[in-house]
PDB file of N, CA and C in Angstrom:
ATOM      1  N   MET A   1       0.840  -1.180   0.000  1.00  0.00           N
ATOM      2  CA  MET A   1       0.000   0.000   0.000  1.00  0.00           C
ATOM      3  C   MET A   1       0.891   1.252   0.000  1.00  0.00           C
ATOM      4  N   ILE A   2       0.555   2.213  -0.836  1.00  0.00           N
ATOM      5  CA  ILE A   2       1.331   3.442  -0.962  1.00  0.00           C
ATOM      6  C   ILE A   2       0.895   4.442   0.105  1.00  0.00           C
ATOM      7  N   GLU A   3       1.897   4.997   0.799  1.00  0.00           N
ATOM      8  CA  GLU A   3       1.629   6.040   1.804  1.00  0.00           C
ATOM      9  C   GLU A   3       1.123   7.288   1.080  1.00  0.00           C
ATOM     10  N   THR A   4       0.046   7.887   1.566  1.00  0.00           N
ATOM     11  CA  THR A   4      -0.533   9.035   0.874  1.00  0.00           C
ATOM     12  C   THR A   4      -0.445  10.335   1.663  1.00  0.00           C
ATOM     13  N   ARG A   5       0.254  10.331   2.813  1.00  0.00           N
ATOM     14  CA  ARG A   5       0.437  11.581   3.548  1.00  0.00           C
ATOM     15  C   ARG A   5       1.690  12.286   3.046  1.00  0.00           C
ATOM     16  N   LEU A   6       1.777  13.575   3.372  1.00  0.00           N
ATOM     17  CA  LEU A   6       2.926  14.369   2.975  1.00  0.00           C
ATOM     18  C   LEU A   6       3.882  14.557   4.134  1.00  0.00           C
ATOM     19  N   GLY A   7       5.164  14.306   3.905  1.00  0.00           N
ATOM     20  CA  GLY A   7       6.181  14.675   4.866  1.00  0.00           C
ATOM     21  C   GLY A   7       6.502  16.150   4.666  1.00  0.00           C
ATOM     22  N   GLU A   8       7.232  16.751   5.619  1.00  0.00           N
ATOM     23  CA  GLU A   8       7.537  18.179   5.523  1.00  0.00           C
ATOM     24  C   GLU A   8       8.347  18.512   4.262  1.00  0.00           C
ATOM     25  N   PHE A   9       9.387  17.734   3.979  1.00  0.00           N
ATOM     26  CA  PHE A   9      10.199  18.000   2.784  1.00  0.00           C
ATOM     27  C   PHE A   9       9.367  17.794   1.526  1.00  0.00           C
ATOM     28  N   GLU A  10       8.535  16.763   1.529  1.00  0.00           N
ATOM     29  CA  GLU A  10       7.658  16.519   0.382  1.00  0.00           C
ATOM     30  C   GLU A  10       6.720  17.708   0.155  1.00  0.00           C
ATOM     31  N   GLU A  11       6.196  18.251   1.241  1.00  0.00           N
ATOM     32  CA  GLU A  11       5.286  19.392   1.138  1.00  0.00           C
ATOM     33  C   GLU A  11       6.008  20.583   0.498  1.00  0.00           C
ATOM     34  N   VAL A  12       7.220  20.848   0.934  1.00  0.00           N
ATOM     35  CA  VAL A  12       7.985  21.974   0.378  1.00  0.00           C
ATOM     36  C   VAL A  12       8.279  21.747  -1.108  1.00  0.00           C
ATOM     37  N   ILE A  13       8.686  20.547  -1.462  1.00  0.00           N
ATOM     38  CA  ILE A  13       8.984  20.255  -2.868  1.00  0.00           C
ATOM     39  C   ILE A  13       7.718  20.388  -3.714  1.00  0.00           C
ATOM     40  N   LEU A  14       6.599  19.911  -3.195  1.00  0.00           N
ATOM     41  CA  LEU A  14       5.329  20.029  -3.931  1.00  0.00           C
ATOM     42  C   LEU A  14       4.961  21.500  -4.110  1.00  0.00           C
ATOM     43  N   LEU A  15       5.150  22.309  -3.081  1.00  0.00           N
ATOM     44  CA  LEU A  15       4.890  23.750  -3.196  1.00  0.00           C
ATOM     45  C   LEU A  15       5.791  24.388  -4.252  1.00  0.00           C
ATOM     46  N   LEU A  16       7.070  23.998  -4.261  1.00  0.00           N
ATOM     47  CA  LEU A  16       7.995  24.568  -5.241  1.00  0.00           C
ATOM     48  C   LEU A  16       7.608  24.179  -6.666  1.00  0.00           C
ATOM     49  N   VAL A  17       7.118  22.976  -6.855  1.00  0.00           N
ATOM     50  CA  VAL A  17       6.644  22.570  -8.183  1.00  0.00           C
ATOM     51  C   VAL A  17       5.512  23.504  -8.620  1.00  0.00           C
ATOM     52  N   GLY A  18       4.606  23.805  -7.707  1.00  0.00           N
ATOM     53  CA  GLY A  18       3.510  24.723  -8.028  1.00  0.00           C
ATOM     54  C   GLY A  18       4.005  26.132  -8.311  1.00  0.00           C
ATOM     55  N   ILE A  19       4.975  26.590  -7.540  1.00  0.00           N
ATOM     56  CA  ILE A  19       5.520  27.942  -7.723  1.00  0.00           C
ATOM     57  C   ILE A  19       6.251  28.059  -9.060  1.00  0.00           C
ATOM     58  N   LEU A  20       7.018  27.045  -9.417  1.00  0.00           N
ATOM     59  CA  LEU A  20       7.841  27.110 -10.625  1.00  0.00           C
ATOM     60  C   LEU A  20       7.050  26.848 -11.909  1.00  0.00           C
ATOM     61  N   GLY A  21       5.906  26.193 -11.804  1.00  0.00           N
ATOM     62  CA  GLY A  21       5.065  25.951 -12.988  1.00  0.00           C
ATOM     63  C   GLY A  21       5.801  25.198 -14.082  1.00  0.00           C
ATOM     64  N   ALA A  22       5.837  25.766 -15.283  1.00  0.00           N
ATOM     65  CA  ALA A  22       6.444  25.103 -16.447  1.00  0.00           C
ATOM     66  C   ALA A  22       7.958  24.941 -16.309  1.00  0.00           C
ATOM     67  N   GLU A  23       8.566  25.578 -15.328  1.00  0.00           N
ATOM     68  CA  GLU A  23      10.013  25.473 -15.091  1.00  0.00           C
ATOM     69  C   GLU A  23      10.333  24.518 -13.938  1.00  0.00           C
ATOM     70  N   ALA A  24       9.364  23.660 -13.583  1.00  0.00           N
ATOM     71  CA  ALA A  24       9.540  22.741 -12.450  1.00  0.00           C
ATOM     72  C   ALA A  24      10.251  21.462 -12.883  1.00  0.00           C
ATOM     73  N   TYR A  25      11.561  21.528 -12.974  1.00  0.00           N
ATOM     74  CA  TYR A  25      12.393  20.344 -13.216  1.00  0.00           C
ATOM     75  C   TYR A  25      13.393  20.247 -12.067  1.00  0.00           C
ATOM     76  N   ALA A  26      13.945  19.057 -11.863  1.00  0.00           N
ATOM     77  CA  ALA A  26      14.682  18.752 -10.634  1.00  0.00           C
ATOM     78  C   ALA A  26      15.770  19.765 -10.282  1.00  0.00           C
ATOM     79  N   PHE A  27      16.619  20.100 -11.239  1.00  0.00           N
ATOM     80  CA  PHE A  27      17.722  21.018 -10.935  1.00  0.00           C
ATOM     81  C   PHE A  27      17.185  22.383 -10.515  1.00  0.00           C
ATOM     82  N   ASN A  28      16.177  22.871 -11.222  1.00  0.00           N
ATOM     83  CA  ASN A  28      15.588  24.171 -10.905  1.00  0.00           C
ATOM     84  C   ASN A  28      14.899  24.142  -9.536  1.00  0.00           C
ATOM     85  N   ILE A  29      14.243  23.033  -9.220  1.00  0.00           N
ATOM     86  CA  ILE A  29      13.593  22.879  -7.916  1.00  0.00           C
ATOM     87  C   ILE A  29      14.642  22.909  -6.802  1.00  0.00           C
ATOM     88  N   ALA A  30      15.769  22.228  -7.015  1.00  0.00           N
ATOM     89  CA  ALA A  30      16.841  22.230  -6.012  1.00  0.00           C
ATOM     90  C   ALA A  30      17.388  23.643  -5.801  1.00  0.00           C
ATOM     91  N   GLU A  31      17.592  24.367  -6.901  1.00  0.00           N
ATOM     92  CA  GLU A  31      18.082  25.749  -6.783  1.00  0.00           C
ATOM     93  C   GLU A  31      17.089  26.632  -6.049  1.00  0.00           C
ATOM     94  N   GLU A  32      15.814  26.472  -6.356  1.00  0.00           N
ATOM     95  CA  GLU A  32      14.785  27.281  -5.703  1.00  0.00           C
ATOM     96  C   GLU A  32      14.684  26.933  -4.218  1.00  0.00           C
ATOM     97  N   PHE A  33      14.826  25.650  -3.910  1.00  0.00           N
ATOM     98  CA  PHE A  33      14.807  25.232  -2.502  1.00  0.00           C
ATOM     99  C   PHE A  33      15.934  25.936  -1.754  1.00  0.00           C
ATOM    100  N   GLU A  34      17.147  25.903  -2.309  1.00  0.00           N
ATOM    101  CA  GLU A  34      18.290  26.530  -1.654  1.00  0.00           C
ATOM    102  C   GLU A  34      18.085  28.030  -1.504  1.00  0.00           C
ATOM    103  N   SER A  35      17.501  28.652  -2.508  1.00  0.00           N
ATOM    104  CA  SER A  35      17.243  30.092  -2.454  1.00  0.00           C
ATOM    105  C   SER A  35      16.209  30.430  -1.383  1.00  0.00           C
ATOM    106  N   GLN A  36      15.137  29.662  -1.343  1.00  0.00           N
ATOM    107  CA  GLN A  36      14.040  29.965  -0.412  1.00  0.00           C
ATOM    108  C   GLN A  36      14.356  29.515   1.012  1.00  0.00           C
ATOM    109  N   ALA A  37      14.986  28.349   1.167  1.00  0.00           N
ATOM    110  CA  ALA A  37      15.238  27.795   2.503  1.00  0.00           C
ATOM    111  C   ALA A  37      16.564  28.267   3.094  1.00  0.00           C
ATOM    112  N   GLY A  38      17.454  28.723   2.231  1.00  0.00           N
ATOM    113  CA  GLY A  38      18.752  29.179   2.716  1.00  0.00           C
ATOM    114  C   GLY A  38      19.660  28.048   3.167  1.00  0.00           C
ATOM    115  N   ARG A  39      19.434  26.866   2.625  1.00  0.00           N
ATOM    116  CA  ARG A  39      20.286  25.721   2.941  1.00  0.00           C
ATOM    117  C   ARG A  39      20.355  24.810   1.722  1.00  0.00           C
ATOM    118  N   PRO A  40      21.464  24.101   1.602  1.00  0.00           N
ATOM    119  CA  PRO A  40      21.629  23.261   0.413  1.00  0.00           C
ATOM    120  C   PRO A  40      20.783  21.989   0.457  1.00  0.00           C
ATOM    121  N   VAL A  41      20.547  21.444  -0.715  1.00  0.00           N
ATOM    122  CA  VAL A  41      19.857  20.162  -0.842  1.00  0.00           C
ATOM    123  C   VAL A  41      20.533  19.411  -1.983  1.00  0.00           C
ATOM    124  N   SER A  42      20.654  18.114  -1.842  1.00  0.00           N
ATOM    125  CA  SER A  42      21.273  17.335  -2.923  1.00  0.00           C
ATOM    126  C   SER A  42      20.249  17.098  -4.028  1.00  0.00           C
ATOM    127  N   ILE A  43      20.753  17.038  -5.250  1.00  0.00           N
ATOM    128  CA  ILE A  43      19.875  16.776  -6.386  1.00  0.00           C
ATOM    129  C   ILE A  43      19.277  15.375  -6.257  1.00  0.00           C
ATOM    130  N   GLY A  44      20.007  14.456  -5.627  1.00  0.00           N
ATOM    131  CA  GLY A  44      19.491  13.106  -5.411  1.00  0.00           C
ATOM    132  C   GLY A  44      18.282  13.100  -4.487  1.00  0.00           C
ATOM    133  N   ALA A  45      18.323  13.933  -3.446  1.00  0.00           N
ATOM    134  CA  ALA A  45      17.181  14.029  -2.526  1.00  0.00           C
ATOM    135  C   ALA A  45      15.963  14.592  -3.242  1.00  0.00           C
ATOM    136  N   VAL A  46      16.196  15.558  -4.117  1.00  0.00           N
ATOM    137  CA  VAL A  46      15.073  16.136  -4.876  1.00  0.00           C
ATOM    138  C   VAL A  46      14.512  15.101  -5.845  1.00  0.00           C
ATOM    139  N   HIS A  47      15.386  14.397  -6.559  1.00  0.00           N
ATOM    140  CA  HIS A  47      14.924  13.372  -7.504  1.00  0.00           C
ATOM    141  C   HIS A  47      14.118  12.290  -6.792  1.00  0.00           C
ATOM    142  N   SER A  48      14.625  11.788  -5.685  1.00  0.00           N
ATOM    143  CA  SER A  48      13.908  10.698  -5.001  1.00  0.00           C
ATOM    144  C   SER A  48      12.569  11.186  -4.451  1.00  0.00           C
ATOM    145  N   THR A  49      12.522  12.429  -3.992  1.00  0.00           N
ATOM    146  CA  THR A  49      11.257  12.978  -3.489  1.00  0.00           C
ATOM    147  C   THR A  49      10.257  13.167  -4.619  1.00  0.00           C
ATOM    148  N   LEU A  50      10.723  13.669  -5.756  1.00  0.00           N
ATOM    149  CA  LEU A  50       9.827  13.835  -6.906  1.00  0.00           C
ATOM    150  C   LEU A  50       9.260  12.487  -7.349  1.00  0.00           C
ATOM    151  N   THR A  51      10.108  11.468  -7.374  1.00  0.00           N
ATOM    152  CA  THR A  51       9.647  10.123  -7.755  1.00  0.00           C
ATOM    153  C   THR A  51       8.594   9.622  -6.771  1.00  0.00           C
ATOM    154  N   ARG A  52       8.861   9.805  -5.474  1.00  0.00           N
ATOM    155  CA  ARG A  52       7.909   9.362  -4.443  1.00  0.00           C
ATOM    156  C   ARG A  52       6.582  10.117  -4.559  1.00  0.00           C
ATOM    157  N   LEU A  53       6.646  11.428  -4.796  1.00  0.00           N
ATOM    158  CA  LEU A  53       5.414  12.224  -4.938  1.00  0.00           C
ATOM    159  C   LEU A  53       4.627  11.802  -6.174  1.00  0.00           C
ATOM    160  N   GLU A  54       5.337  11.418  -7.214  1.00  0.00           N
ATOM    161  CA  GLU A  54       4.656  10.945  -8.425  1.00  0.00           C
ATOM    162  C   GLU A  54       4.005   9.594  -8.151  1.00  0.00           C
ATOM    163  N   GLU A  55       4.694   8.715  -7.429  1.00  0.00           N
ATOM    164  CA  GLU A  55       4.122   7.400  -7.094  1.00  0.00           C
ATOM    165  C   GLU A  55       2.885   7.533  -6.212  1.00  0.00           C
ATOM    166  N   LYS A  56       2.850   8.565  -5.371  1.00  0.00           N
ATOM    167  CA  LYS A  56       1.697   8.797  -4.501  1.00  0.00           C
ATOM    168  C   LYS A  56       0.531   9.460  -5.236  1.00  0.00           C
ATOM    169  N   GLY A  57       0.778   9.907  -6.467  1.00  0.00           N
ATOM    170  CA  GLY A  57      -0.289  10.529  -7.257  1.00  0.00           C
ATOM    171  C   GLY A  57      -0.402  12.029  -7.060  1.00  0.00           C
ATOM    172  N   PHE A  58       0.589  12.651  -6.425  1.00  0.00           N
ATOM    173  CA  PHE A  58       0.556  14.096  -6.195  1.00  0.00           C
ATOM    174  C   PHE A  58       1.124  14.878  -7.380  1.00  0.00           C
ATOM    175  N   LEU A  59       1.912  14.213  -8.201  1.00  0.00           N
ATOM    176  CA  LEU A  59       2.555  14.842  -9.358  1.00  0.00           C
ATOM    177  C   LEU A  59       2.424  13.958 -10.585  1.00  0.00           C
ATOM    178  N   THR A  60       2.524  14.593 -11.739  1.00  0.00           N
ATOM    179  CA  THR A  60       2.747  13.883 -12.985  1.00  0.00           C
ATOM    180  C   THR A  60       4.002  14.503 -13.606  1.00  0.00           C
ATOM    181  N   SER A  61       4.582  13.813 -14.559  1.00  0.00           N
ATOM    182  CA  SER A  61       5.751  14.381 -15.228  1.00  0.00           C
ATOM    183  C   SER A  61       5.739  13.991 -16.688  1.00  0.00           C
ATOM    184  N   GLN A  62       6.440  14.794 -17.454  1.00  0.00           N
ATOM    185  CA  GLN A  62       6.640  14.483 -18.864  1.00  0.00           C
ATOM    186  C   GLN A  62       7.942  15.118 -19.313  1.00  0.00           C
ATOM    187  N   MET A  63       8.511  14.556 -20.346  1.00  0.00           N
ATOM    188  CA  MET A  63       9.758  15.091 -20.865  1.00  0.00           C
ATOM    189  C   MET A  63       9.468  16.354 -21.659  1.00  0.00           C
ATOM    190  N   GLY A  64      10.198  17.422 -21.338  1.00  0.00           N
ATOM    191  CA  GLY A  64      10.064  18.672 -22.076  1.00  0.00           C
ATOM    192  C   GLY A  64      10.943  18.657 -23.307  1.00  0.00           C
ATOM    193  N   GLU A  65      10.876  19.721 -24.036  1.00  0.00           N
ATOM    194  CA  GLU A  65      11.700  19.849 -25.245  1.00  0.00           C
ATOM    195  C   GLU A  65      13.164  20.070 -24.873  1.00  0.00           C
ATOM    196  N   SER A  66      14.055  19.697 -25.766  1.00  0.00           N
ATOM    197  CA  SER A  66      15.475  19.935 -25.527  1.00  0.00           C
ATOM    198  C   SER A  66      15.756  21.428 -25.675  1.00  0.00           C
ATOM    199  N   THR A  67      16.742  21.885 -24.899  1.00  0.00           N
ATOM    200  CA  THR A  67      17.098  23.302 -24.961  1.00  0.00           C
ATOM    201  C   THR A  67      18.595  23.431 -25.195  1.00  0.00           C
ATOM    202  N   ALA A  68      18.983  24.501 -25.845  1.00  0.00           N
ATOM    203  CA  ALA A  68      20.394  24.756 -26.126  1.00  0.00           C
ATOM    204  C   ALA A  68      21.167  24.985 -24.826  1.00  0.00           C
ATOM    205  N   GLU A  69      20.527  25.587 -23.830  1.00  0.00           N
ATOM    206  CA  GLU A  69      21.219  25.894 -22.575  1.00  0.00           C
ATOM    207  C   GLU A  69      21.672  24.637 -21.851  1.00  0.00           C
ATOM    208  N   ARG A  70      21.064  23.496 -22.121  1.00  0.00           N
ATOM    209  CA  ARG A  70      21.467  22.222 -21.502  1.00  0.00           C
ATOM    210  C   ARG A  70      22.126  21.304 -22.527  1.00  0.00           C
ATOM    211  N   GLY A  71      22.709  21.878 -23.557  1.00  0.00           N
ATOM    212  CA  GLY A  71      23.414  21.083 -24.562  1.00  0.00           C
ATOM    213  C   GLY A  71      22.484  20.172 -25.342  1.00  0.00           C
ATOM    214  N   GLY A  72      21.257  20.601 -25.525  1.00  0.00           N
ATOM    215  CA  GLY A  72      20.298  19.825 -26.287  1.00  0.00           C
ATOM    216  C   GLY A  72      19.622  18.722 -25.491  1.00  0.00           C
ATOM    217  N   ARG A  73      19.895  18.651 -24.195  1.00  0.00           N
ATOM    218  CA  ARG A  73      19.261  17.611 -23.364  1.00  0.00           C
ATOM    219  C   ARG A  73      17.843  18.037 -22.978  1.00  0.00           C
ATOM    220  N   ARG A  74      16.995  17.040 -22.836  1.00  0.00           N
ATOM    221  CA  ARG A  74      15.613  17.291 -22.439  1.00  0.00           C
ATOM    222  C   ARG A  74      15.498  17.261 -20.929  1.00  0.00           C
ATOM    223  N   LYS A  75      14.483  17.919 -20.377  1.00  0.00           N
ATOM    224  CA  LYS A  75      14.246  17.962 -18.938  1.00  0.00           C
ATOM    225  C   LYS A  75      12.916  17.294 -18.631  1.00  0.00           C
ATOM    226  N   ARG A  76      12.830  16.660 -17.459  1.00  0.00           N
ATOM    227  CA  ARG A  76      11.557  16.103 -17.013  1.00  0.00           C
ATOM    228  C   ARG A  76      10.843  17.199 -16.226  1.00  0.00           C
ATOM    229  N   ILE A  77       9.677  17.616 -16.713  1.00  0.00           N
ATOM    230  CA  ILE A  77       8.903  18.696 -16.110  1.00  0.00           C
ATOM    231  C   ILE A  77       7.796  18.083 -15.254  1.00  0.00           C
ATOM    232  N   TYR A  78       7.658  18.582 -14.027  1.00  0.00           N
ATOM    233  CA  TYR A  78       6.669  18.064 -13.076  1.00  0.00           C
ATOM    234  C   TYR A  78       5.491  19.024 -12.952  1.00  0.00           C
ATOM    235  N   THR A  79       4.306  18.439 -12.776  1.00  0.00           N
ATOM    236  CA  THR A  79       3.065  19.199 -12.635  1.00  0.00           C
ATOM    237  C   THR A  79       2.262  18.609 -11.480  1.00  0.00           C
ATOM    238  N   ILE A  80       1.671  19.472 -10.658  1.00  0.00           N
ATOM    239  CA  ILE A  80       0.849  19.002  -9.539  1.00  0.00           C
ATOM    240  C   ILE A  80      -0.500  18.516 -10.070  1.00  0.00           C
ATOM    241  N   THR A  81      -0.953  17.389  -9.562  1.00  0.00           N
ATOM    242  CA  THR A  81      -2.270  16.863  -9.919  1.00  0.00           C
ATOM    243  C   THR A  81      -3.341  17.525  -9.041  1.00  0.00           C
ATOM    244  N   ALA A  82      -4.591  17.310  -9.386  1.00  0.00           N
ATOM    245  CA  ALA A  82      -5.693  17.821  -8.561  1.00  0.00           C
ATOM    246  C   ALA A  82      -5.613  17.207  -7.164  1.00  0.00           C
ATOM    247  N   TYR A  83      -5.254  15.944  -7.092  1.00  0.00           N
ATOM    248  CA  TYR A  83      -5.097  15.267  -5.801  1.00  0.00           C
ATOM    249  C   TYR A  83      -3.961  15.909  -4.997  1.00  0.00           C
ATOM    250  N   GLY A  84      -2.885  16.274  -5.665  1.00  0.00           N
ATOM    251  CA  GLY A  84      -1.772  16.949  -4.998  1.00  0.00           C
ATOM    252  C   GLY A  84      -2.193  18.305  -4.453  1.00  0.00           C
ATOM    253  N   ARG A  85      -2.965  19.061  -5.222  1.00  0.00           N
ATOM    254  CA  ARG A  85      -3.455  20.372  -4.764  1.00  0.00           C
ATOM    255  C   ARG A  85      -4.374  20.211  -3.553  1.00  0.00           C
ATOM    256  N   LYS A  86      -5.237  19.210  -3.616  1.00  0.00           N
ATOM    257  CA  LYS A  86      -6.155  18.957  -2.503  1.00  0.00           C
ATOM    258  C   LYS A  86      -5.371  18.573  -1.246  1.00  0.00           C
ATOM    259  N   THR A  87      -4.345  17.767  -1.411  1.00  0.00           N
ATOM    260  CA  THR A  87      -3.525  17.344  -0.269  1.00  0.00           C
ATOM    261  C   THR A  87      -2.742  18.522   0.304  1.00  0.00           C
ATOM    262  N   LEU A  88      -2.213  19.390  -0.557  1.00  0.00           N
ATOM    263  CA  LEU A  88      -1.511  20.589  -0.072  1.00  0.00           C
ATOM    264  C   LEU A  88      -2.460  21.488   0.712  1.00  0.00           C
ATOM    265  N   SER A  89      -3.651  21.661   0.208  1.00  0.00           N
ATOM    266  CA  SER A  89      -4.642  22.495   0.893  1.00  0.00           C
ATOM    267  C   SER A  89      -4.969  21.930   2.276  1.00  0.00           C
ATOM    268  N   ALA A  90      -5.133  20.619   2.361  1.00  0.00           N
ATOM    269  CA  ALA A  90      -5.431  19.981   3.651  1.00  0.00           C
ATOM    270  C   ALA A  90      -4.255  20.142   4.618  1.00  0.00           C
ATOM    271  N   ALA A  91      -3.023  20.023   4.106  1.00  0.00           N
ATOM    272  CA  ALA A  91      -1.831  20.190   4.952  1.00  0.00           C
ATOM    273  C   ALA A  91      -1.756  21.616   5.483  1.00  0.00           C
ATOM    274  N   ARG A  92      -2.033  22.598   4.619  1.00  0.00           N
ATOM    275  CA  ARG A  92      -2.030  24.010   5.040  1.00  0.00           C
ATOM    276  C   ARG A  92      -3.097  24.255   6.112  1.00  0.00           C
ATOM    277  N   ASP A  93      -4.309  23.757   5.880  1.00  0.00           N
ATOM    278  CA  ASP A  93      -5.401  23.952   6.837  1.00  0.00           C
ATOM    279  C   ASP A  93      -5.065  23.327   8.193  1.00  0.00           C
ATOM    280  N   PHE A  94      -4.452  22.137   8.170  1.00  0.00           N
ATOM    281  CA  PHE A  94      -4.072  21.462   9.410  1.00  0.00           C
ATOM    282  C   PHE A  94      -3.065  22.303  10.180  1.00  0.00           C
ATOM    283  N   ARG A  95      -2.044  22.806   9.486  1.00  0.00           N
ATOM    284  CA  ARG A  95      -1.018  23.622  10.157  1.00  0.00           C
ATOM    285  C   ARG A  95      -1.596  24.922  10.706  1.00  0.00           C
ATOM    286  N   ILE A  96      -2.460  25.566   9.954  1.00  0.00           N
ATOM    287  CA  ILE A  96      -3.079  26.808  10.430  1.00  0.00           C
ATOM    288  C   ILE A  96      -3.907  26.536  11.684  1.00  0.00           C
ATOM    289  N   ALA A  97      -4.648  25.431  11.686  1.00  0.00           N
ATOM    290  CA  ALA A  97      -5.465  25.081  12.860  1.00  0.00           C
ATOM    291  C   ALA A  97      -4.576  24.865  14.083  1.00  0.00           C
ATOM    292  N   LEU A  98      -3.432  24.231  13.896  1.00  0.00           N
ATOM    293  CA  LEU A  98      -2.514  24.030  15.022  1.00  0.00           C
ATOM    294  C   LEU A  98      -1.932  25.348  15.506  1.00  0.00           C
ATOM    295  N   TRP A  99      -1.512  26.221  14.588  1.00  0.00           N
ATOM    296  CA  TRP A  99      -0.940  27.524  14.978  1.00  0.00           C
ATOM    297  C   TRP A  99      -1.956  28.361  15.747  1.00  0.00           C
ATOM    298  N   LYS A 100      -3.218  28.251  15.378  1.00  0.00           N
ATOM    299  CA  LYS A 100      -4.259  29.013  16.077  1.00  0.00           C
ATOM    300  C   LYS A 100      -4.461  28.532  17.499  1.00  0.00           C
ATOM    301  N   GLN A 101      -4.083  27.298  17.798  1.00  0.00           N
ATOM    302  CA  GLN A 101      -4.229  26.748  19.151  1.00  0.00           C
ATOM    303  C   GLN A 101      -2.986  26.963  20.005  1.00  0.00           C
ATOM    304  N   PHE A 102      -1.885  27.330  19.374  1.00  0.00           N
ATOM    305  CA  PHE A 102      -0.612  27.476  20.085  1.00  0.00           C
ATOM    306  C   PHE A 102      -0.677  28.714  20.979  1.00  0.00           C
ATOM    307  N   PRO A 103      -0.459  28.529  22.300  1.00  0.00           N
ATOM    308  CA  PRO A 103      -0.545  29.681  23.215  1.00  0.00           C
ATOM    309  C   PRO A 103       0.384  30.819  22.779  1.00  0.00           C
ATOM    310  N   GLY A 104      -0.130  31.984  22.816  1.00  0.00           N
ATOM    311  CA  GLY A 104       0.657  33.152  22.443  1.00  0.00           C
ATOM    312  C   GLY A 104       0.478  33.552  21.001  1.00  0.00           C
ATOM    313  N   PHE A 105       0.531  32.610  20.089  1.00  0.00           N
ATOM    314  CA  PHE A 105       0.345  32.938  18.687  1.00  0.00           C
ATOM    315  C   PHE A 105      -1.115  33.274  18.410  1.00  0.00           C
ATOM    316  N   ALA A 106      -2.030  32.553  19.056  1.00  0.00           N
ATOM    317  CA  ALA A 106      -3.445  32.783  18.828  1.00  0.00           C
ATOM    318  C   ALA A 106      -3.869  34.173  19.317  1.00  0.00           C
ATOM    319  N   THR A 107      -3.277  34.652  20.403  1.00  0.00           N
ATOM    320  CA  THR A 107      -3.665  35.952  20.958  1.00  0.00           C
ATOM    321  C   THR A 107      -2.695  37.061  20.565  1.00  0.00           C
ATOM    322  N   GLY A 108      -1.579  36.708  19.978  1.00  0.00           N
ATOM    323  CA  GLY A 108      -0.577  37.703  19.622  1.00  0.00           C
ATOM    324  C   GLY A 108       0.228  38.172  20.818  1.00  0.00           C
ATOM    325  N   LYS A 109       0.138  37.438  21.947  1.00  0.00           N
ATOM    326  CA  LYS A 109       0.855  37.801  23.165  1.00  0.00           C
ATOM    327  C   LYS A 109       1.938  36.768  23.466  1.00  0.00           C
ATOM    328  N   LEU A 110       2.969  36.787  22.676  1.00  0.00           N
ATOM    329  CA  LEU A 110       4.077  35.864  22.912  1.00  0.00           C
ATOM    330  C   LEU A 110       4.895  36.313  24.099  1.00  0.00           C
ATOM    331  N   THR A 111       5.358  35.360  24.881  1.00  0.00           N
ATOM    332  CA  THR A 111       6.206  35.699  26.025  1.00  0.00           C
ATOM    333  C   THR A 111       7.579  35.125  25.833  1.00  0.00           C
TER     334      THR A 111
END
């Protein structure tokens, strides 16, 4: 049976795929992760996460056209599925509900 929940890293990678749109390929996702998170990530970790997210049905992929900037090599472009969007929305709602219950954050009176 395939696990259908999102881990934290999976959630971030899925969000980056949505943010990057037609430019969502592994190397670009890794660069965007490093830019946004301020920490490095291996391309292998991104590839394995993308594969896992695709196996769970959160993403689809297809080979894009070759480009001169990559020496004529083609890139695998990832797209979020409707199921992936629904799962991201549920993850966001869950986190917001927890933050609203956290003492201090809910009232704006942090100590």
